[in-house]
Every structure is written in structure tokens, then in C-alpha cells.
C-alpha atoms as a PDB file:
ATOM      1  CA  MET A   1      22.363  21.339 -17.890  1.00  0.00           C
ATOM      2  CA  SER A   2      25.330  19.141 -18.705  1.00  0.00           C
ATOM      3  CA  ALA A   3      25.075  16.128 -20.984  1.00  0.00           C
ATOM      4  CA  ALA A   4      25.971  13.769 -18.130  1.00  0.00           C
ATOM      5  CA  ASP A   5      23.218  15.201 -15.926  1.00  0.00           C
ATOM      6  CA  ARG A   6      20.700  14.929 -18.746  1.00  0.00           C
ATOM      7  CA  THR A   7      21.685  11.280 -19.269  1.00  0.00           C
ATOM      8  CA  LYS A   8      21.275  10.514 -15.548  1.00  0.00           C
ATOM      9  CA  ARG A   9      17.846  12.133 -15.470  1.00  0.00           C
ATOM     10  CA  ARG A  10      16.722  10.282 -18.588  1.00  0.00           C
ATOM     11  CA  ARG A  11      17.952   6.963 -17.145  1.00  0.00           C
ATOM     12  CA  ALA A  12      16.142   7.647 -13.849  1.00  0.00           C
ATOM     13  CA  ALA A  13      12.910   8.430 -15.699  1.00  0.00           C
ATOM     14  CA  VAL A  14      13.137   5.226 -17.741  1.00  0.00           C
ATOM     15  CA  GLU A  15      13.810   3.215 -14.579  1.00  0.00           C
ATOM     16  CA  LEU A  16      10.825   4.810 -12.829  1.00  0.00           C
ATOM     17  CA  ARG A  17       8.506   4.050 -15.751  1.00  0.00           C
ATOM     18  CA  SER A  18       9.623   0.427 -15.844  1.00  0.00           C
ATOM     19  CA  LYS A  19       9.099   0.083 -12.082  1.00  0.00           C
ATOM     20  CA  LEU A  20       5.628   1.590 -12.324  1.00  0.00           C
ATOM     21  CA  LYS A  21       4.665  -0.982 -14.953  1.00  0.00           C
ATOM     22  CA  SER A  22       5.839  -3.862 -12.773  1.00  0.00           C
ATOM     23  CA  PRO A  23       3.340  -5.235 -10.217  1.00  0.00           C
ATOM     24  CA  ASN A  24       6.255  -5.998  -7.879  1.00  0.00           C
ATOM     25  CA  PHE A  25       6.947  -2.331  -7.144  1.00  0.00           C
ATOM     26  CA  PHE A  26       4.839   0.250  -5.347  1.00  0.00           C
ATOM     27  CA  VAL A  27       5.739   3.926  -5.478  1.00  0.00           C
ATOM     28  CA  SER A  28       4.517   5.852  -2.478  1.00  0.00           C
ATOM     29  CA  ARG A  29       3.151   9.355  -2.981  1.00  0.00           C
ATOM     30  CA  THR A  30       4.858  10.488   0.202  1.00  0.00           C
ATOM     31  CA  ARG A  31       8.336   9.121  -0.516  1.00  0.00           C
ATOM     32  CA  LEU A  32      10.940  11.703  -1.397  1.00  0.00           C
ATOM     33  CA  CYS A  33      13.986  11.118  -3.546  1.00  0.00           C
ATOM     34  CA  LEU A  34      17.056  13.076  -2.487  1.00  0.00           C
ATOM     35  CA  ARG A  35      19.824  13.614  -5.014  1.00  0.00           C
ATOM     36  CA  ASN A  36      22.757  15.946  -5.403  1.00  0.00           C
ATOM     37  CA  LEU A  37      22.733  17.284  -1.852  1.00  0.00           C
ATOM     38  CA  PRO A  38      25.648  19.547  -0.987  1.00  0.00           C
ATOM     39  CA  TYR A  39      28.094  18.303   1.646  1.00  0.00           C
ATOM     40  CA  THR A  40      27.598  21.540   3.574  1.00  0.00           C
ATOM     41  CA  LEU A  41      23.922  20.782   4.205  1.00  0.00           C
ATOM     42  CA  ASP A  42      23.442  20.023   7.897  1.00  0.00           C
ATOM     43  CA  GLU A  43      20.642  18.059   9.553  1.00  0.00           C
ATOM     44  CA  LYS A  44      18.615  21.139  10.492  1.00  0.00           C
ATOM     45  CA  GLN A  45      18.664  22.515   6.935  1.00  0.00           C
ATOM     46  CA  LEU A  46      17.787  19.096   5.525  1.00  0.00           C
ATOM     47  CA  LYS A  47      14.805  18.825   7.847  1.00  0.00           C
ATOM     48  CA  GLN A  48      13.584  22.272   6.763  1.00  0.00           C
ATOM     49  CA  LEU A  49      13.862  21.274   3.088  1.00  0.00           C
ATOM     50  CA  LEU A  50      11.966  18.036   3.636  1.00  0.00           C
ATOM     51  CA  VAL A  51       9.190  19.679   5.636  1.00  0.00           C
ATOM     52  CA  ALA A  52       8.796  22.320   2.923  1.00  0.00           C
ATOM     53  CA  ALA A  53       8.682  19.628   0.210  1.00  0.00           C
ATOM     54  CA  VAL A  54       5.857  17.654   1.812  1.00  0.00           C
ATOM     55  CA  ARG A  55       2.492  19.226   1.253  1.00  0.00           C
ATOM     56  CA  PRO A  56       0.222  19.343   4.271  1.00  0.00           C
ATOM     57  CA  ARG A  57      -2.309  16.532   4.455  1.00  0.00           C
ATOM     58  CA  PRO A  58      -5.648  16.687   6.268  1.00  0.00           C
ATOM     59  CA  ARG A  59      -5.465  15.113   9.700  1.00  0.00           C
ATOM     60  CA  ARG A  60      -7.967  12.579  10.900  1.00  0.00           C
ATOM     61  CA  CYS A  61     -10.034  13.249  13.934  1.00  0.00           C
ATOM     62  CA  ALA A  62      -8.759  11.339  16.968  1.00  0.00           C
ATOM     63  CA  ARG A  63     -12.336  10.477  17.919  1.00  0.00           C
ATOM     64  CA  ALA A  64     -12.954   8.877  14.512  1.00  0.00           C
ATOM     65  CA  LEU A  65      -9.748   6.855  14.812  1.00  0.00           C
ATOM     66  CA  GLY A  66     -10.739   5.669  18.285  1.00  0.00           C
ATOM     67  CA  ALA A  67     -14.178   4.650  17.060  1.00  0.00           C
ATOM     68  CA  ALA A  68     -12.686   2.736  14.156  1.00  0.00           C
ATOM     69  CA  ARG A  69     -10.375   0.802  16.489  1.00  0.00           C
ATOM     70  CA  ALA A  70     -13.181   0.034  18.911  1.00  0.00           C
ATOM     71  CA  ARG A  71     -15.256  -1.813  16.307  1.00  0.00           C
ATOM     72  CA  PRO A  72     -15.197  -5.581  16.610  1.00  0.00           C
ATOM     73  CA  ARG A  73     -13.454  -7.424  13.810  1.00  0.00           C
ATOM     74  CA  CYS A  74     -15.397  -9.947  11.766  1.00  0.00           C
END
């Protein structure tokens, strides 16, 4: 790893830690950060990379969602 790359990574880590300490910022668990993508990467390849990076999450039952929406609000 080059010295410049190491410096960029260290700066990004420090920035992330400072943002996490601040109550003004929220870091989503599902947000992906894309860096250093090659120019030759097309949309189809990018989509495959992103789908592979996101771990599968359990899906909610449609019936349960419908029941939750049908409840009257207080």
C-alpha cells in the first residue's frame, strides 16, 4: 500500500470517528461507500458488486405489514 493511500485511509477513518461522535450525523448500516472504482466498470458489473456486498436481510411478512397499517393511530 502506498503512503498516499495509507494517509487517505487514515484521514477517512478519523473523519468517520468524528462523525459518529457528533449527534448531527447518522451512519446507516445499509449505506455503501464506493471508492477507487475503475473507469472500465460498467453499470451491470457495478450492480453485481453492490448486490454481492449487501448481506441478505430477513423479509417481513406482507400480512404483518398490512395488519400494522390497518391499526388506527392514537
